Amino acid sequence: MVQSVTYHRETKSVPFQGKTIVLESLTPVLSPKEKEKRKKEIERCLYEVFSKYRKAVDNPA
């Protein structure tokens, strides 16, 4: 089953080099359970990346 994801849209117009640029940010609207699940997955992936580089610093070639 495919779930449709809804997004919260935040739009901001900012001047840049004499022109107006429109910035748009889309954030998925998730249930608290899904937010926590995604947060833990991101933390796990970041831990793997940082621990790999930490090992490289601790044990230089």
N, C-alpha and C. Protein backbone atom coordinates (compact mmCIF):
# COMPACT_ATOMS: atom_id res chain seq x y z
N MET A 1 0.84 -1.18 0.00
CA MET A 1 0.00 0.00 0.00
C MET A 1 0.88 1.25 0.00
N VAL A 2 0.59 2.18 -0.86
CA VAL A 2 1.36 3.41 -0.96
C VAL A 2 0.63 4.50 -0.19
N GLN A 3 1.33 5.11 0.77
CA GLN A 3 0.74 6.20 1.53
C GLN A 3 1.08 7.51 0.86
N SER A 4 0.10 8.40 0.81
CA SER A 4 0.40 9.72 0.28
C SER A 4 0.91 10.58 1.43
N VAL A 5 1.96 11.30 1.17
CA VAL A 5 2.57 12.14 2.18
C VAL A 5 2.13 13.57 1.92
N THR A 6 1.70 14.26 2.96
CA THR A 6 1.38 15.66 2.83
C THR A 6 2.55 16.48 3.37
N TYR A 7 2.68 17.70 2.88
CA TYR A 7 3.81 18.55 3.26
C TYR A 7 3.33 19.90 3.75
N HIS A 8 4.07 20.42 4.71
CA HIS A 8 3.86 21.80 5.16
C HIS A 8 4.77 22.66 4.30
N ARG A 9 4.21 23.68 3.65
CA ARG A 9 4.96 24.53 2.74
C ARG A 9 5.22 25.88 3.41
N GLU A 10 6.49 26.28 3.38
CA GLU A 10 6.88 27.59 3.89
C GLU A 10 7.59 28.32 2.75
N THR A 11 7.07 29.48 2.38
CA THR A 11 7.63 30.25 1.27
C THR A 11 8.12 31.60 1.79
N LYS A 12 9.29 31.99 1.30
CA LYS A 12 9.88 33.26 1.72
C LYS A 12 10.53 33.92 0.50
N SER A 13 10.32 35.20 0.33
CA SER A 13 10.97 35.97 -0.73
C SER A 13 12.12 36.75 -0.13
N VAL A 14 13.30 36.63 -0.73
CA VAL A 14 14.48 37.31 -0.21
C VAL A 14 15.21 38.03 -1.34
N PRO A 15 15.74 39.22 -1.06
CA PRO A 15 16.52 39.91 -2.09
C PRO A 15 17.91 39.31 -2.18
N PHE A 16 18.42 39.16 -3.42
CA PHE A 16 19.76 38.65 -3.64
C PHE A 16 20.31 39.26 -4.91
N GLN A 17 21.38 40.02 -4.78
CA GLN A 17 22.04 40.68 -5.90
C GLN A 17 21.05 41.45 -6.77
N GLY A 18 20.18 42.22 -6.11
CA GLY A 18 19.24 43.07 -6.84
C GLY A 18 18.02 42.35 -7.38
N LYS A 19 17.90 41.07 -7.14
CA LYS A 19 16.75 40.31 -7.61
C LYS A 19 16.02 39.71 -6.41
N THR A 20 14.75 39.39 -6.60
CA THR A 20 13.99 38.72 -5.55
C THR A 20 13.97 37.23 -5.86
N ILE A 21 14.41 36.46 -4.89
CA ILE A 21 14.45 35.01 -5.02
C ILE A 21 13.37 34.44 -4.10
N VAL A 22 12.60 33.48 -4.59
CA VAL A 22 11.58 32.83 -3.77
C VAL A 22 12.15 31.50 -3.28
N LEU A 23 12.22 31.37 -1.95
CA LEU A 23 12.69 30.14 -1.33
C LEU A 23 11.47 29.37 -0.82
N GLU A 24 11.44 28.08 -1.09
CA GLU A 24 10.31 27.27 -0.67
C GLU A 24 10.84 26.07 0.10
N SER A 25 10.31 25.87 1.28
CA SER A 25 10.71 24.75 2.12
C SER A 25 9.50 23.84 2.31
N LEU A 26 9.68 22.55 2.01
CA LEU A 26 8.62 21.57 2.20
C LEU A 26 9.04 20.62 3.31
N THR A 27 8.19 20.47 4.32
CA THR A 27 8.45 19.58 5.43
C THR A 27 7.33 18.55 5.50
N PRO A 28 7.67 17.27 5.51
CA PRO A 28 6.60 16.27 5.57
C PRO A 28 5.83 16.34 6.89
N VAL A 29 4.53 16.15 6.82
CA VAL A 29 3.68 16.10 8.00
C VAL A 29 3.58 14.64 8.40
N LEU A 30 4.17 14.31 9.56
CA LEU A 30 4.26 12.93 10.01
C LEU A 30 3.59 12.76 11.37
N SER A 31 3.18 11.54 11.64
CA SER A 31 2.65 11.23 12.96
C SER A 31 3.82 11.23 13.95
N PRO A 32 3.53 11.42 15.23
CA PRO A 32 4.63 11.40 16.22
C PRO A 32 5.43 10.09 16.17
N LYS A 33 4.76 8.99 15.93
CA LYS A 33 5.45 7.69 15.86
C LYS A 33 6.39 7.65 14.66
N GLU A 34 5.93 8.13 13.52
CA GLU A 34 6.76 8.15 12.31
C GLU A 34 7.93 9.13 12.46
N LYS A 35 7.69 10.27 13.10
CA LYS A 35 8.78 11.24 13.35
C LYS A 35 9.88 10.59 14.17
N GLU A 36 9.48 9.89 15.24
CA GLU A 36 10.46 9.26 16.11
C GLU A 36 11.23 8.18 15.37
N LYS A 37 10.54 7.41 14.54
CA LYS A 37 11.18 6.36 13.75
C LYS A 37 12.23 6.97 12.81
N ARG A 38 11.88 8.04 12.11
CA ARG A 38 12.83 8.68 11.20
C ARG A 38 14.00 9.30 11.94
N LYS A 39 13.71 9.91 13.09
CA LYS A 39 14.77 10.53 13.88
C LYS A 39 15.79 9.47 14.32
N LYS A 40 15.32 8.33 14.78
CA LYS A 40 16.23 7.26 15.21
C LYS A 40 17.05 6.73 14.04
N GLU A 41 16.45 6.62 12.87
CA GLU A 41 17.18 6.15 11.69
C GLU A 41 18.28 7.15 11.30
N ILE A 42 17.96 8.44 11.35
CA ILE A 42 18.96 9.47 11.04
C ILE A 42 20.10 9.43 12.06
N GLU A 43 19.74 9.32 13.34
CA GLU A 43 20.77 9.25 14.38
C GLU A 43 21.68 8.04 14.17
N ARG A 44 21.10 6.89 13.82
CA ARG A 44 21.89 5.68 13.59
C ARG A 44 22.86 5.88 12.44
N CYS A 45 22.37 6.48 11.35
CA CYS A 45 23.24 6.71 10.18
C CYS A 45 24.35 7.70 10.51
N LEU A 46 24.01 8.76 11.22
CA LEU A 46 25.03 9.74 11.60
C LEU A 46 26.07 9.11 12.53
N TYR A 47 25.63 8.28 13.44
CA TYR A 47 26.56 7.61 14.34
C TYR A 47 27.55 6.76 13.54
N GLU A 48 27.04 6.02 12.57
CA GLU A 48 27.92 5.19 11.74
C GLU A 48 28.97 6.03 11.02
N VAL A 49 28.55 7.16 10.46
CA VAL A 49 29.48 8.03 9.72
C VAL A 49 30.52 8.61 10.67
N PHE A 50 30.08 9.20 11.79
CA PHE A 50 31.02 9.83 12.69
C PHE A 50 31.94 8.83 13.37
N SER A 51 31.44 7.64 13.69
CA SER A 51 32.31 6.66 14.33
C SER A 51 33.36 6.16 13.34
N LYS A 52 33.03 6.10 12.05
CA LYS A 52 34.02 5.71 11.04
C LYS A 52 35.16 6.73 10.98
N TYR A 53 34.80 8.02 11.00
CA TYR A 53 35.83 9.05 10.95
C TYR A 53 36.58 9.16 12.27
N ARG A 54 35.92 8.86 13.36
CA ARG A 54 36.58 8.88 14.66
C ARG A 54 37.68 7.81 14.69
N LYS A 55 37.38 6.64 14.15
CA LYS A 55 38.38 5.56 14.09
C LYS A 55 39.59 5.99 13.25
N ALA A 56 39.33 6.72 12.16
CA ALA A 56 40.42 7.20 11.30
C ALA A 56 41.31 8.18 12.03
N VAL A 57 40.72 9.02 12.88
CA VAL A 57 41.50 10.00 13.66
C VAL A 57 42.29 9.30 14.76
N ASP A 58 41.67 8.33 15.41
CA ASP A 58 42.34 7.60 16.49
C ASP A 58 43.46 6.70 16.00
N ASN A 59 43.32 6.18 14.79
CA ASN A 59 44.30 5.25 14.22
C ASN A 59 44.80 5.75 12.88
N PRO A 60 45.60 6.82 12.84
CA PRO A 60 46.07 7.31 11.55
C PRO A 60 46.96 6.28 10.85
N ALA A 61 46.91 6.27 9.54
CA ALA A 61 47.65 5.27 8.75
C ALA A 61 49.13 5.51 8.78
